[in-house]
Structures are given as C-alpha cells and as structure tokens.
Amino acid sequence: DFIGTGMMFFGWFISMIGLMVRFFIGNAREIHAYTRQQEMPLQQEYMEKMAPAAGMIAKEVGKGIKEGMKDDTSSDLREELKKELREELKEELKAELKQELKEKGE
C-alpha cells in the first residue's frame, strides 16, 4: 500500500515542520531575551569604558568652540573700538584744523 505510506510520510513531514515553526516562532521571544541577557553585561562594560572618553571629547570640543567664540568676539570688539577711536581722532583733528584756520584767517 504505497499511497498510504506516502501519505504517512507527508503527514509526518508536515507535522515536523509545524513543530519546528511552533518551537522557533513560539519561543522567539524567550530566545531573544536570553541572547540579550547574555550580551547586556558586555554592552554595559563597553558603555562604561567609552562614555567617559566620549564625554571628554565633547568637553574638549565645547571648550574649543567657546574659546573660538571668545576670540572672534574679542577681535570684533577690538575692531569696533579701533574704528570708534579713529573716528574720534579724525573729528578732533578736523576741529583743531578748523580752529587753526580761523585763527590764521582772522
């Protein structure tokens, strides 16, 4: 009875596929949780080692940016002060020259 035996093998094959799917898909959450549980200490150790280095890098970058902004601000401020002083000196010189011209003209 070859047809009956073939159907039995087909049924056995389908049953095995069903059991494997039930095991792997049904237990996927537990398997995933187990692997995460195994990886977590390594990831925490990595973060503990890398976080201070990343923090120091960010601190240095921030310090450099802050110093750069101070330099730019101070140089801009110097330039503005120089312009104001030049304008004041020009006006004083103009006033002195006008005074001298008036004295000579009188």
C-alpha atoms as a PDB file:
ATOM      1  CA  ASP A   1       0.000   0.000   0.000  1.00  0.00           C
ATOM      2  CA  PHE A   2       2.393   2.648  -1.313  1.00  0.00           C
ATOM      3  CA  ILE A   3      -0.140   5.513  -1.299  1.00  0.00           C
ATOM      4  CA  GLY A   4      -0.852   5.050   2.426  1.00  0.00           C
ATOM      5  CA  THR A   5       2.852   5.042   3.252  1.00  0.00           C
ATOM      6  CA  GLY A   6       3.426   8.160   1.154  1.00  0.00           C
ATOM      7  CA  MET A   7       0.585   9.932   2.918  1.00  0.00           C
ATOM      8  CA  MET A   8       2.055   8.934   6.291  1.00  0.00           C
ATOM      9  CA  PHE A   9       5.436  10.398   5.319  1.00  0.00           C
ATOM     10  CA  PHE A  10       3.755  13.530   4.027  1.00  0.00           C
ATOM     11  CA  GLY A  11       1.824  13.881   7.292  1.00  0.00           C
ATOM     12  CA  TRP A  12       4.996  13.261   9.311  1.00  0.00           C
ATOM     13  CA  PHE A  13       6.844  15.902   7.266  1.00  0.00           C
ATOM     14  CA  ILE A  14       4.074  18.493   7.767  1.00  0.00           C
ATOM     15  CA  SER A  15       3.932  17.690  11.497  1.00  0.00           C
ATOM     16  CA  MET A  16       7.702  18.171  11.869  1.00  0.00           C
ATOM     17  CA  ILE A  17       7.536  21.498  10.041  1.00  0.00           C
ATOM     18  CA  GLY A  18       4.666  22.552  12.310  1.00  0.00           C
ATOM     19  CA  LEU A  19       6.616  21.582  15.444  1.00  0.00           C
ATOM     20  CA  MET A  20       9.732  23.442  14.282  1.00  0.00           C
ATOM     21  CA  VAL A  21       7.712  26.549  13.424  1.00  0.00           C
ATOM     22  CA  ARG A  22       5.927  26.359  16.778  1.00  0.00           C
ATOM     23  CA  PHE A  23       9.210  25.962  18.634  1.00  0.00           C
ATOM     24  CA  PHE A  24      11.214  28.643  16.825  1.00  0.00           C
ATOM     25  CA  ILE A  25       8.475  31.229  16.362  1.00  0.00           C
ATOM     26  CA  GLY A  26       6.712  30.494  19.633  1.00  0.00           C
ATOM     27  CA  ASN A  27       9.912  30.668  21.639  1.00  0.00           C
ATOM     28  CA  ALA A  28      11.481  33.517  19.683  1.00  0.00           C
ATOM     29  CA  ARG A  29      10.745  35.999  22.474  1.00  0.00           C
ATOM     30  CA  GLU A  30      12.432  33.802  25.070  1.00  0.00           C
ATOM     31  CA  ILE A  31      15.374  33.123  22.776  1.00  0.00           C
ATOM     32  CA  HIS A  32      15.757  36.815  22.025  1.00  0.00           C
ATOM     33  CA  ALA A  33      15.525  37.685  25.723  1.00  0.00           C
ATOM     34  CA  TYR A  34      18.165  35.072  26.548  1.00  0.00           C
ATOM     35  CA  THR A  35      20.615  36.358  23.942  1.00  0.00           C
ATOM     36  CA  ARG A  36      20.010  39.962  25.068  1.00  0.00           C
ATOM     37  CA  GLN A  37      20.620  38.890  28.663  1.00  0.00           C
ATOM     38  CA  GLN A  38      23.934  37.359  27.629  1.00  0.00           C
ATOM     39  CA  GLU A  39      25.014  40.413  25.621  1.00  0.00           C
ATOM     40  CA  MET A  40      23.958  43.102  28.103  1.00  0.00           C
ATOM     41  CA  PRO A  41      26.915  42.884  30.526  1.00  0.00           C
ATOM     42  CA  LEU A  42      29.350  43.229  27.630  1.00  0.00           C
ATOM     43  CA  GLN A  43      27.457  46.211  26.247  1.00  0.00           C
ATOM     44  CA  GLN A  44      27.297  47.844  29.677  1.00  0.00           C
ATOM     45  CA  GLU A  45      31.031  47.358  30.150  1.00  0.00           C
ATOM     46  CA  TYR A  46      31.682  48.840  26.725  1.00  0.00           C
ATOM     47  CA  MET A  47      29.471  51.842  27.501  1.00  0.00           C
ATOM     48  CA  GLU A  48      31.147  52.376  30.875  1.00  0.00           C
ATOM     49  CA  LYS A  49      34.547  52.412  29.195  1.00  0.00           C
ATOM     50  CA  MET A  50      33.517  54.530  26.226  1.00  0.00           C
ATOM     51  CA  ALA A  51      31.226  57.061  27.920  1.00  0.00           C
ATOM     52  CA  PRO A  52      33.999  58.929  29.781  1.00  0.00           C
ATOM     53  CA  ALA A  53      36.077  59.135  26.613  1.00  0.00           C
ATOM     54  CA  ALA A  54      33.112  60.438  24.625  1.00  0.00           C
ATOM     55  CA  GLY A  55      32.352  62.883  27.421  1.00  0.00           C
ATOM     56  CA  MET A  56      35.920  64.151  27.449  1.00  0.00           C
ATOM     57  CA  ILE A  57      35.911  64.568  23.686  1.00  0.00           C
ATOM     58  CA  ALA A  58      32.637  66.507  23.811  1.00  0.00           C
ATOM     59  CA  LYS A  59      34.023  68.659  26.634  1.00  0.00           C
ATOM     60  CA  GLU A  60      37.179  69.498  24.673  1.00  0.00           C
ATOM     61  CA  VAL A  61      35.203  70.273  21.532  1.00  0.00           C
ATOM     62  CA  GLY A  62      32.877  72.522  23.516  1.00  0.00           C
ATOM     63  CA  LYS A  63      35.833  74.250  25.153  1.00  0.00           C
ATOM     64  CA  GLY A  64      37.457  74.838  21.767  1.00  0.00           C
ATOM     65  CA  ILE A  65      34.259  76.263  20.322  1.00  0.00           C
ATOM     66  CA  LYS A  66      33.808  78.502  23.359  1.00  0.00           C
ATOM     67  CA  GLU A  67      37.388  79.779  23.104  1.00  0.00           C
ATOM     68  CA  GLY A  68      36.959  80.328  19.398  1.00  0.00           C
ATOM     69  CA  MET A  69      33.823  82.341  20.011  1.00  0.00           C
ATOM     70  CA  LYS A  70      35.631  84.408  22.646  1.00  0.00           C
ATOM     71  CA  ASP A  71      38.496  85.073  20.233  1.00  0.00           C
ATOM     72  CA  ASP A  72      36.098  86.115  17.478  1.00  0.00           C
ATOM     73  CA  THR A  73      34.126  88.330  19.838  1.00  0.00           C
ATOM     74  CA  SER A  74      37.205  89.971  21.285  1.00  0.00           C
ATOM     75  CA  SER A  75      38.734  90.586  17.861  1.00  0.00           C
ATOM     76  CA  ASP A  76      35.420  92.034  16.612  1.00  0.00           C
ATOM     77  CA  LEU A  77      35.228  94.190  19.714  1.00  0.00           C
ATOM     78  CA  ARG A  78      38.796  95.387  19.166  1.00  0.00           C
ATOM     79  CA  GLU A  79      37.999  96.297  15.576  1.00  0.00           C
ATOM     80  CA  GLU A  80      34.922  98.267  16.640  1.00  0.00           C
ATOM     81  CA  LEU A  81      36.913 100.101  19.309  1.00  0.00           C
ATOM     82  CA  LYS A  82      39.644 100.922  16.785  1.00  0.00           C
ATOM     83  CA  LYS A  83      37.042 102.333  14.372  1.00  0.00           C
ATOM     84  CA  GLU A  84      35.477 104.461  17.095  1.00  0.00           C
ATOM     85  CA  LEU A  85      38.863 105.789  18.194  1.00  0.00           C
ATOM     86  CA  ARG A  86      39.830 106.597  14.603  1.00  0.00           C
ATOM     87  CA  GLU A  87      36.570 108.471  14.067  1.00  0.00           C
ATOM     88  CA  GLU A  88      37.043 110.412  17.309  1.00  0.00           C
ATOM     89  CA  LEU A  89      40.613 111.281  16.374  1.00  0.00           C
ATOM     90  CA  LYS A  90      39.503 112.396  12.909  1.00  0.00           C
ATOM     91  CA  GLU A  91      36.851 114.654  14.396  1.00  0.00           C
ATOM     92  CA  GLU A  92      39.317 116.099  16.923  1.00  0.00           C
ATOM     93  CA  LEU A  93      41.868 116.741  14.177  1.00  0.00           C
ATOM     94  CA  LYS A  94      39.193 118.373  11.995  1.00  0.00           C
ATOM     95  CA  ALA A  95      38.161 120.590  14.902  1.00  0.00           C
ATOM     96  CA  GLU A  96      41.792 121.561  15.601  1.00  0.00           C
ATOM     97  CA  LEU A  97      42.441 122.318  11.906  1.00  0.00           C
ATOM     98  CA  LYS A  98      39.305 124.453  11.676  1.00  0.00           C
ATOM     99  CA  GLN A  99      40.388 126.313  14.812  1.00  0.00           C
ATOM    100  CA  GLU A 100      43.853 126.923  13.371  1.00  0.00           C
ATOM    101  CA  LEU A 101      42.380 128.081  10.053  1.00  0.00           C
ATOM    102  CA  LYS A 102      40.076 130.501  11.866  1.00  0.00           C
ATOM    103  CA  GLU A 103      42.996 131.869  13.872  1.00  0.00           C
ATOM    104  CA  LYS A 104      45.091 132.328  10.739  1.00  0.00           C
ATOM    105  CA  GLY A 105      42.173 133.835   8.821  1.00  0.00           C
ATOM    106  CA  GLU A 106      41.445 136.446  11.497  1.00  0.00           C
END
